[in-house]
C-alpha cells in the first residue's frame, strides 16, 4: 500500500472499531501485527462480490487471455509472498 504508517494505523483502528478486522500478533515478531478479517467482514465481502466481481470482469478479465490471467495471478502471488517475508 502507498500510505503512511500513521494513516494505516488510523485506518485499521477504524476498521477494527467497525468490527471488520481484528489485530493478531505476529508469532515470530511480537512487535508486529496482522489485520485479519472478521467473520462479519467475510460475510460482507461475499455480499459485495456480486458488484465487484462484475466490475473486475468488465475492467480486467474480459481484456486478458487465459494465459495472461494465469501469468498475472502468478505474478501477484509472488508479490504477496515477498510482502509476507
N, C-alpha and C. Protein backbone atom coordinates (compact mmCIF):
# COMPACT_ATOMS: atom_id res chain seq x y z
N UNK A 1 0.84 -1.18 0.00
CA UNK A 1 0.00 0.00 0.00
C UNK A 1 0.88 1.24 0.00
N UNK A 2 0.43 2.25 -0.67
CA UNK A 2 1.14 3.51 -0.66
C UNK A 2 0.38 4.42 0.31
N UNK A 3 0.72 4.26 1.59
CA UNK A 3 0.05 5.00 2.65
C UNK A 3 1.03 5.11 3.81
N UNK A 4 1.00 6.22 4.50
CA UNK A 4 1.93 6.38 5.62
C UNK A 4 1.53 5.43 6.75
N UNK A 5 2.50 5.10 7.58
CA UNK A 5 2.25 4.19 8.70
C UNK A 5 1.18 4.75 9.64
N UNK A 6 1.23 6.04 9.89
CA UNK A 6 0.22 6.63 10.79
C UNK A 6 -1.18 6.57 10.19
N UNK A 7 -1.29 6.80 8.89
CA UNK A 7 -2.60 6.71 8.24
C UNK A 7 -3.09 5.27 8.20
N UNK A 8 -2.16 4.33 8.00
CA UNK A 8 -2.54 2.92 8.00
C UNK A 8 -3.05 2.51 9.38
N UNK A 9 -2.37 2.96 10.43
CA UNK A 9 -2.80 2.64 11.79
C UNK A 9 -4.19 3.19 12.06
N UNK A 10 -4.44 4.42 11.64
CA UNK A 10 -5.77 5.02 11.84
C UNK A 10 -6.84 4.27 11.04
N UNK A 11 -6.50 3.85 9.83
CA UNK A 11 -7.44 3.08 9.02
C UNK A 11 -7.78 1.76 9.69
N UNK A 12 -6.76 1.04 10.17
CA UNK A 12 -7.01 -0.23 10.86
C UNK A 12 -7.81 0.01 12.14
N UNK A 13 -7.53 1.09 12.84
CA UNK A 13 -8.32 1.44 14.03
C UNK A 13 -9.80 1.57 13.68
N UNK A 14 -10.08 2.26 12.57
CA UNK A 14 -11.49 2.46 12.16
C UNK A 14 -12.12 1.13 11.73
N UNK A 15 -11.38 0.31 11.00
CA UNK A 15 -11.91 -0.99 10.58
C UNK A 15 -12.15 -1.89 11.79
N UNK A 16 -11.26 -1.81 12.77
CA UNK A 16 -11.43 -2.61 13.98
C UNK A 16 -12.65 -2.13 14.77
N UNK A 17 -12.82 -0.83 14.87
CA UNK A 17 -13.98 -0.27 15.58
C UNK A 17 -15.29 -0.66 14.90
N UNK A 18 -15.25 -0.84 13.58
CA UNK A 18 -16.44 -1.24 12.83
C UNK A 18 -16.67 -2.75 12.86
N UNK A 19 -15.76 -3.47 13.50
CA UNK A 19 -15.91 -4.92 13.60
C UNK A 19 -15.51 -5.67 12.34
N UNK A 20 -14.70 -5.04 11.49
CA UNK A 20 -14.33 -5.66 10.22
C UNK A 20 -12.98 -6.36 10.26
N UNK A 21 -12.09 -5.93 11.15
CA UNK A 21 -10.80 -6.59 11.31
C UNK A 21 -10.50 -6.77 12.79
N UNK A 22 -9.63 -7.72 13.06
CA UNK A 22 -9.08 -7.92 14.40
C UNK A 22 -7.57 -7.97 14.26
N UNK A 23 -6.88 -7.39 15.20
CA UNK A 23 -5.41 -7.43 15.17
C UNK A 23 -4.94 -8.74 15.78
N UNK A 24 -4.03 -9.40 15.07
CA UNK A 24 -3.41 -10.62 15.58
C UNK A 24 -1.90 -10.41 15.57
N UNK A 25 -1.27 -10.70 16.69
CA UNK A 25 0.18 -10.54 16.82
C UNK A 25 0.93 -11.51 15.90
N UNK A 26 2.03 -11.03 15.35
CA UNK A 26 2.92 -11.87 14.56
C UNK A 26 3.63 -12.82 15.51
N UNK A 27 3.52 -14.11 15.28
CA UNK A 27 4.11 -15.10 16.19
C UNK A 27 5.63 -15.06 16.18
N UNK A 28 6.23 -14.57 15.10
CA UNK A 28 7.69 -14.53 15.01
C UNK A 28 8.27 -13.21 15.51
N UNK A 29 7.52 -12.14 15.39
CA UNK A 29 7.98 -10.81 15.81
C UNK A 29 6.84 -10.15 16.56
N UNK A 30 6.85 -10.25 17.87
CA UNK A 30 5.72 -9.78 18.68
C UNK A 30 5.49 -8.28 18.57
N UNK A 31 6.42 -7.55 17.96
CA UNK A 31 6.20 -6.11 17.77
C UNK A 31 5.19 -5.86 16.65
N UNK A 32 5.07 -6.81 15.74
CA UNK A 32 4.21 -6.63 14.58
C UNK A 32 2.85 -7.27 14.79
N UNK A 33 1.92 -6.90 13.94
CA UNK A 33 0.58 -7.46 14.00
C UNK A 33 0.01 -7.52 12.59
N UNK A 34 -0.97 -8.39 12.42
CA UNK A 34 -1.70 -8.52 11.17
C UNK A 34 -3.13 -8.07 11.40
N UNK A 35 -3.72 -7.43 10.42
CA UNK A 35 -5.15 -7.10 10.45
C UNK A 35 -5.87 -8.24 9.74
N UNK A 36 -6.68 -8.98 10.48
CA UNK A 36 -7.34 -10.18 9.97
C UNK A 36 -8.83 -9.91 9.84
N UNK A 37 -9.41 -10.28 8.70
CA UNK A 37 -10.84 -10.09 8.51
C UNK A 37 -11.64 -10.88 9.54
N UNK A 38 -12.67 -10.26 10.07
CA UNK A 38 -13.58 -10.94 10.99
C UNK A 38 -14.62 -11.72 10.18
N UNK A 39 -15.34 -12.62 10.84
CA UNK A 39 -16.42 -13.31 10.12
C UNK A 39 -17.44 -12.33 9.52
N UNK A 40 -17.74 -11.25 10.23
CA UNK A 40 -18.66 -10.23 9.71
C UNK A 40 -18.11 -9.64 8.40
N UNK A 41 -16.81 -9.34 8.37
CA UNK A 41 -16.19 -8.77 7.17
C UNK A 41 -16.22 -9.77 6.02
N UNK A 42 -15.99 -11.04 6.32
CA UNK A 42 -16.02 -12.07 5.27
C UNK A 42 -17.43 -12.18 4.67
N UNK A 43 -18.44 -12.09 5.52
CA UNK A 43 -19.83 -12.12 5.04
C UNK A 43 -20.12 -10.90 4.16
N UNK A 44 -19.68 -9.74 4.61
CA UNK A 44 -19.88 -8.51 3.85
C UNK A 44 -19.17 -8.59 2.50
N UNK A 45 -17.95 -9.11 2.50
CA UNK A 45 -17.19 -9.26 1.26
C UNK A 45 -17.92 -10.18 0.28
N UNK A 46 -18.49 -11.26 0.79
CA UNK A 46 -19.23 -12.19 -0.08
C UNK A 46 -20.44 -11.51 -0.70
N UNK A 47 -21.13 -10.69 0.08
CA UNK A 47 -22.29 -9.97 -0.47
C UNK A 47 -21.87 -8.92 -1.48
N UNK A 48 -20.74 -8.26 -1.23
CA UNK A 48 -20.26 -7.21 -2.13
C UNK A 48 -19.74 -7.78 -3.44
N UNK A 49 -19.34 -9.07 -3.44
CA UNK A 49 -18.71 -9.65 -4.61
C UNK A 49 -19.61 -9.59 -5.84
N UNK A 50 -20.92 -9.61 -5.64
CA UNK A 50 -21.83 -9.54 -6.79
C UNK A 50 -21.57 -8.28 -7.61
N UNK A 51 -21.28 -7.18 -6.94
CA UNK A 51 -20.99 -5.91 -7.61
C UNK A 51 -19.55 -5.87 -8.08
N UNK A 52 -18.61 -6.15 -7.17
CA UNK A 52 -17.20 -6.04 -7.52
C UNK A 52 -16.77 -7.08 -8.54
N UNK A 53 -17.34 -8.26 -8.48
CA UNK A 53 -17.00 -9.30 -9.45
C UNK A 53 -17.31 -8.86 -10.87
N UNK A 54 -18.46 -8.24 -11.05
CA UNK A 54 -18.82 -7.74 -12.38
C UNK A 54 -17.87 -6.64 -12.84
N UNK A 55 -17.50 -5.74 -11.92
CA UNK A 55 -16.59 -4.65 -12.27
C UNK A 55 -15.21 -5.18 -12.64
N UNK A 56 -14.72 -6.16 -11.89
CA UNK A 56 -13.41 -6.75 -12.19
C UNK A 56 -13.43 -7.43 -13.55
N UNK A 57 -14.53 -8.12 -13.84
CA UNK A 57 -14.66 -8.75 -15.16
C UNK A 57 -14.65 -7.70 -16.26
N UNK A 58 -15.42 -6.64 -16.07
CA UNK A 58 -15.54 -5.60 -17.09
C UNK A 58 -14.23 -4.86 -17.31
N UNK A 59 -13.51 -4.56 -16.23
CA UNK A 59 -12.32 -3.74 -16.35
C UNK A 59 -11.04 -4.54 -16.61
N UNK A 60 -11.01 -5.82 -16.22
CA UNK A 60 -9.79 -6.60 -16.33
C UNK A 60 -9.97 -7.91 -17.10
N UNK A 61 -10.73 -8.82 -16.53
CA UNK A 61 -10.79 -10.19 -17.05
C UNK A 61 -11.13 -10.27 -18.53
N UNK A 62 -12.08 -9.53 -18.97
CA UNK A 62 -12.50 -9.68 -20.37
C UNK A 62 -11.45 -9.22 -21.37
N UNK A 63 -10.43 -8.49 -20.89
CA UNK A 63 -9.38 -7.99 -21.76
C UNK A 63 -8.14 -8.88 -21.78
N UNK A 64 -8.15 -9.95 -20.99
CA UNK A 64 -6.98 -10.83 -20.89
C UNK A 64 -7.32 -12.23 -21.37
N UNK A 65 -6.33 -12.87 -21.97
CA UNK A 65 -6.49 -14.27 -22.33
C UNK A 65 -6.33 -15.12 -21.06
N UNK A 66 -6.66 -16.39 -21.17
CA UNK A 66 -6.48 -17.29 -20.02
C UNK A 66 -5.01 -17.34 -19.60
N UNK A 67 -4.10 -17.36 -20.57
CA UNK A 67 -2.67 -17.38 -20.25
C UNK A 67 -2.23 -16.09 -19.56
N UNK A 68 -2.74 -14.96 -20.02
CA UNK A 68 -2.39 -13.68 -19.40
C UNK A 68 -2.94 -13.60 -17.97
N UNK A 69 -4.13 -14.10 -17.78
CA UNK A 69 -4.72 -14.12 -16.44
C UNK A 69 -3.89 -14.99 -15.50
N UNK A 70 -3.46 -16.14 -15.98
CA UNK A 70 -2.63 -17.04 -15.17
C UNK A 70 -1.29 -16.38 -14.83
N UNK A 71 -0.70 -15.70 -15.79
CA UNK A 71 0.58 -15.03 -15.56
C UNK A 71 0.43 -13.90 -14.55
N UNK A 72 -0.65 -13.13 -14.68
CA UNK A 72 -0.90 -12.04 -13.74
C UNK A 72 -1.11 -12.58 -12.34
N UNK A 73 -1.88 -13.64 -12.24
CA UNK A 73 -2.14 -14.26 -10.93
C UNK A 73 -0.85 -14.75 -10.30
N UNK A 74 -0.02 -15.42 -11.07
CA UNK A 74 1.25 -15.92 -10.56
C UNK A 74 2.14 -14.77 -10.10
N UNK A 75 2.17 -13.70 -10.87
CA UNK A 75 2.98 -12.53 -10.51
C UNK A 75 2.51 -11.91 -9.20
N UNK A 76 1.20 -11.74 -9.06
CA UNK A 76 0.66 -11.14 -7.84
C UNK A 76 0.88 -12.04 -6.64
N UNK A 77 0.79 -13.34 -6.81
CA UNK A 77 1.06 -14.26 -5.70
C UNK A 77 2.52 -14.17 -5.25
N UNK A 78 3.44 -13.96 -6.19
CA UNK A 78 4.85 -13.78 -5.81
C UNK A 78 5.03 -12.49 -5.01
N UNK A 79 4.34 -11.44 -5.41
CA UNK A 79 4.43 -10.16 -4.69
C UNK A 79 3.87 -10.33 -3.28
N UNK A 80 2.75 -11.02 -3.15
CA UNK A 80 2.16 -11.25 -1.83
C UNK A 80 3.11 -12.07 -0.96
N UNK A 81 3.69 -13.11 -1.53
CA UNK A 81 4.62 -13.95 -0.77
C UNK A 81 5.83 -13.14 -0.31
N UNK A 82 6.34 -12.27 -1.16
CA UNK A 82 7.50 -11.45 -0.79
C UNK A 82 7.14 -10.45 0.31
N UNK A 83 5.92 -9.95 0.28
CA UNK A 83 5.48 -8.99 1.30
C UNK A 83 5.37 -9.64 2.67
N UNK A 84 5.15 -10.93 2.71
CA UNK A 84 5.00 -11.66 3.97
C UNK A 84 6.34 -12.03 4.60
N UNK A 85 7.43 -11.86 3.86
CA UNK A 85 8.76 -12.23 4.39
C UNK A 85 9.25 -11.24 5.41
